[in-house]
Protein backbone atom coordinates (compact mmCIF):
# COMPACT_ATOMS: atom_id res chain seq x y z
CA MET A 1 -0.06 0.04 -0.03
CA ILE A 2 1.44 3.29 -1.13
CA GLU A 3 -0.10 5.04 1.74
CA ARG A 4 2.02 3.25 4.41
CA LYS A 5 5.14 4.93 3.14
CA LEU A 6 3.60 8.31 3.29
CA LEU A 7 2.30 7.67 6.75
CA GLN A 8 5.74 6.63 7.85
CA SER A 9 6.92 9.99 6.41
CA GLY A 10 4.55 11.87 8.67
CA ILE A 11 1.97 12.65 5.92
CA THR A 12 -1.38 11.73 7.13
CA LYS A 13 -3.93 13.65 4.99
CA ILE A 14 -3.70 11.73 1.73
CA ALA A 15 -6.31 12.40 -0.98
CA GLY A 16 -7.10 9.63 -3.45
CA VAL A 17 -8.85 10.71 -6.78
CA ASP A 18 -10.51 8.62 -9.32
CA GLU A 19 -13.23 8.66 -11.87
CA ALA A 20 -16.14 6.54 -13.32
CA GLY A 21 -17.73 6.95 -16.65
CA ARG A 22 -14.82 7.62 -19.12
CA GLY A 23 -15.99 4.71 -21.48
CA PRO A 24 -19.85 4.85 -21.77
CA CYS A 25 -21.55 6.73 -24.45
CA ALA A 26 -24.31 7.99 -22.20
CA GLY A 27 -24.29 9.61 -18.85
CA PRO A 28 -21.97 11.86 -16.88
CA LEU A 29 -18.33 11.60 -16.16
CA VAL A 30 -18.00 11.49 -12.27
CA ILE A 31 -14.80 12.03 -10.34
CA ALA A 32 -14.49 11.53 -6.64
CA ALA A 33 -11.70 12.65 -4.04
CA VAL A 34 -11.54 11.41 -0.53
CA ILE A 35 -9.19 11.73 2.46
CA LEU A 36 -9.36 8.74 4.71
CA LYS A 37 -9.14 9.00 8.33
CA ASP A 38 -6.71 5.92 8.57
CA PRO A 39 -5.89 4.12 5.35
CA THR A 40 -4.63 1.26 7.29
CA SER A 41 -7.83 0.65 9.24
CA SER A 42 -9.34 -2.79 9.41
CA GLU A 43 -12.70 -1.40 8.63
CA LEU A 44 -11.54 -0.63 5.01
CA ARG A 45 -10.27 -4.25 4.27
CA GLY A 46 -13.06 -4.64 1.80
CA VAL A 47 -12.02 -1.49 -0.19
CA LYS A 48 -10.73 -2.62 -3.55
CA ASP A 49 -10.84 -1.42 -7.06
CA SER A 50 -14.56 -0.84 -7.83
CA LYS A 51 -14.17 -3.06 -10.84
CA ALA A 52 -13.33 -5.97 -8.59
CA LEU A 53 -16.45 -5.68 -6.58
CA SER A 54 -20.02 -6.61 -7.22
CA GLU A 55 -22.63 -3.87 -7.22
CA SER A 56 -23.92 -4.89 -3.60
CA GLN A 57 -20.37 -4.88 -2.42
CA ARG A 58 -19.74 -1.35 -3.68
CA GLU A 59 -22.88 -0.09 -2.13
CA LEU A 60 -21.90 -1.54 1.17
CA MET A 61 -18.31 -0.11 0.80
CA TYR A 62 -19.60 3.26 -0.08
CA ASP A 63 -21.11 3.73 3.41
CA VAL A 64 -17.96 2.37 5.00
CA ILE A 65 -15.68 4.82 3.03
CA LEU A 66 -17.89 7.81 3.99
CA ASN A 67 -17.85 6.71 7.66
CA ASN A 68 -14.06 6.40 7.60
CA SER A 69 -13.42 9.66 5.59
CA ILE A 70 -12.19 12.97 6.95
CA THR A 71 -13.75 14.68 3.79
CA TYR A 72 -14.79 13.66 0.30
CA SER A 73 -16.10 15.45 -2.83
CA ILE A 74 -17.84 14.29 -6.08
CA ILE A 75 -17.89 16.27 -9.25
CA GLU A 76 -20.06 15.61 -12.49
CA PHE A 77 -19.63 16.52 -16.08
CA SER A 78 -22.54 16.14 -18.26
CA ALA A 79 -22.65 14.51 -21.72
CA ALA A 80 -22.90 18.09 -23.17
CA GLU A 81 -19.95 19.29 -21.31
CA ILE A 82 -17.90 16.37 -22.45
CA ASP A 83 -18.92 17.03 -26.11
CA LEU A 84 -17.90 20.74 -25.61
CA LEU A 85 -14.54 20.30 -23.73
CA GLY A 86 -13.41 16.84 -24.60
CA LEU A 87 -13.32 13.71 -22.35
CA HIS A 88 -9.79 14.04 -21.14
CA ARG A 89 -9.95 17.58 -20.46
CA CYS A 90 -13.00 17.07 -18.28
CA ASN A 91 -11.25 14.23 -16.54
CA LEU A 92 -8.27 16.46 -15.48
CA GLU A 93 -10.47 19.45 -14.55
CA GLY A 94 -12.70 17.24 -12.70
CA MET A 95 -9.73 15.88 -10.59
CA ARG A 96 -8.65 19.34 -9.87
CA ARG A 97 -12.06 20.47 -8.94
CA ALA A 98 -12.59 17.42 -6.66
CA VAL A 99 -9.48 18.09 -4.82
CA HIS A 100 -10.24 21.79 -4.38
CA ALA A 101 -13.79 21.01 -3.17
CA LEU A 102 -12.46 18.88 -0.16
CA LYS A 103 -13.21 20.63 3.11
CA GLU A 104 -9.71 20.03 4.34
CA LYS A 105 -6.60 20.48 2.27
CA PRO A 106 -4.64 17.33 1.71
CA GLU A 107 -0.95 17.17 2.33
CA TYR A 108 -0.36 14.59 -0.61
CA ILE A 109 -2.73 13.66 -3.62
CA LEU A 110 -2.66 10.16 -5.40
CA THR A 111 -4.42 10.06 -8.84
CA ASP A 112 -5.37 7.06 -10.94
CA GLY A 113 -3.21 6.88 -14.00
CA TYR A 114 -3.04 10.46 -15.00
CA SER A 115 -0.84 13.35 -13.87
CA VAL A 116 -2.92 16.34 -13.25
CA PRO A 117 -1.31 19.78 -14.09
CA GLY A 118 -2.19 22.60 -11.80
CA MET A 119 -2.14 20.92 -8.59
CA THR A 120 -0.34 23.02 -5.84
CA GLU A 121 0.10 20.04 -3.41
CA PRO A 122 2.55 17.25 -3.84
CA ASN A 123 1.01 14.55 -6.05
CA LEU A 124 1.70 11.33 -7.78
CA ALA A 125 0.07 9.80 -10.74
CA VAL A 126 -0.21 5.97 -9.93
CA TRP A 127 -0.45 3.35 -12.79
CA LYS A 128 -3.34 1.07 -11.85
CA GLY A 129 -3.83 3.17 -8.71
CA ASP A 130 -7.12 1.81 -8.00
CA GLN A 131 -5.38 -1.54 -7.37
CA VAL A 132 -2.35 -0.40 -5.30
CA ALA A 133 -3.58 2.58 -3.36
CA ILE A 134 -6.51 2.21 -0.99
CA SER A 135 -7.32 6.01 -1.19
CA ILE A 136 -7.58 5.77 -4.93
CA SER A 137 -9.73 2.52 -4.60
CA ALA A 138 -12.00 4.45 -2.19
CA ALA A 139 -12.37 7.33 -4.62
CA SER A 140 -13.15 4.81 -7.46
CA ILE A 141 -15.92 3.23 -5.35
CA LEU A 142 -17.44 6.65 -4.48
CA ALA A 143 -17.31 7.60 -8.11
CA LYS A 144 -18.74 4.42 -9.49
CA VAL A 145 -21.71 4.06 -6.97
CA TYR A 146 -22.65 7.67 -7.35
CA ARG A 147 -22.57 7.34 -11.06
CA ASP A 148 -24.50 4.09 -11.14
CA ARG A 149 -27.30 5.73 -9.03
CA ILE A 150 -27.57 8.45 -11.58
CA MET A 151 -27.86 5.85 -14.40
CA MET A 152 -30.63 4.15 -12.46
CA GLU A 153 -32.58 7.32 -12.20
CA LEU A 154 -32.01 8.03 -15.86
CA ASP A 155 -33.32 4.56 -16.47
CA ARG A 156 -36.56 5.55 -14.86
CA LYS A 157 -36.71 8.76 -17.06
CA TYR A 158 -35.78 6.86 -20.22
CA PRO A 159 -37.23 3.31 -19.79
CA ASN A 160 -36.66 2.18 -23.44
CA TYR A 161 -32.75 2.15 -23.33
CA GLY A 162 -31.73 -0.30 -20.54
CA LEU A 163 -29.58 2.10 -18.82
CA ALA A 164 -29.99 0.29 -15.53
CA ASN A 165 -28.19 -2.60 -16.99
CA HIS A 166 -25.52 -1.30 -18.97
CA LYS A 167 -25.08 2.00 -17.40
CA GLY A 168 -24.57 3.88 -20.52
CA TYR A 169 -21.73 1.55 -21.96
CA ILE A 170 -21.79 0.61 -25.77
CA THR A 171 -23.68 -2.67 -26.06
CA ALA A 172 -25.68 -4.35 -28.76
CA LEU A 173 -28.91 -3.79 -26.95
CA HIS A 174 -27.95 -0.07 -26.15
CA THR A 175 -27.09 0.48 -29.94
CA ALA A 176 -30.37 -1.18 -31.13
CA ALA A 177 -32.39 1.07 -28.64
CA ILE A 178 -30.64 4.22 -29.84
CA GLU A 179 -31.25 3.25 -33.50
CA LYS A 180 -35.02 2.61 -32.64
CA HIS A 181 -35.80 5.46 -30.12
CA GLY A 182 -33.37 8.12 -31.03
CA VAL A 183 -30.40 9.82 -29.55
CA LEU A 184 -31.05 11.37 -26.09
CA PRO A 185 -29.62 14.57 -24.37
CA ILE A 186 -27.58 12.26 -22.04
CA HIS A 187 -25.73 10.71 -25.12
CA ARG A 188 -22.27 11.91 -25.99
CA LYS A 189 -22.44 13.16 -29.42
CA SER A 190 -18.59 13.28 -29.71
CA PHE A 191 -18.36 9.63 -29.48
CA SER A 192 -17.90 7.79 -32.71
CA ASN A 193 -20.98 5.37 -32.39
CA ILE A 194 -23.37 8.20 -31.61
CA ALA A 195 -21.79 10.40 -34.30
CA GLU A 196 -22.42 7.68 -36.79
CA ILE A 197 -26.05 7.13 -35.82
CA LEU A 198 -26.60 10.77 -36.04
CA LYS A 199 -25.12 11.00 -39.55
CA ILE A 200 -27.32 8.04 -40.57
CA THR A 201 -30.63 9.46 -39.13
CA ASN A 202 -29.90 13.11 -40.28
């Protein structure tokens, strides 16, 4: 665990930052940041990369993380913002905003995969960070659960698209639903599959 070395150096306020929703063609990009009270706590032993947990496990860990955090923040970028600014730019800006939204200033920041320009605090981009840094794993769970809950709400609003099942990812059923029922405001028109459908239908 990367955090152990930082704790041994006297650094205690370690922020982990991660996102959910880079790949889907529908729904928001969500970025979370969290500072854990004690990254080595046994209460957090179930915290892993969100992709390695079931939906019910993530929901359970979501509350455990909140109960074991000093502070956390969650930032959203809509499909329209992604189309306007670009996915990667939204991701980096979201990480900056998530850190700045924390109620306490971190002493060190761990981000998953990407180096984030403009951070004033010491920071490290960690390859596969959600697998090797518990603070990043915790952030990945917060972002994933938060986004999945949004997609469940959108499924109720747009019941013909199967959003509760695929969460906005590109699947054969999702593509068939778009072709049959049309492109929604929550679809990312800058994504090639959506752009292709729009080109055919216009």
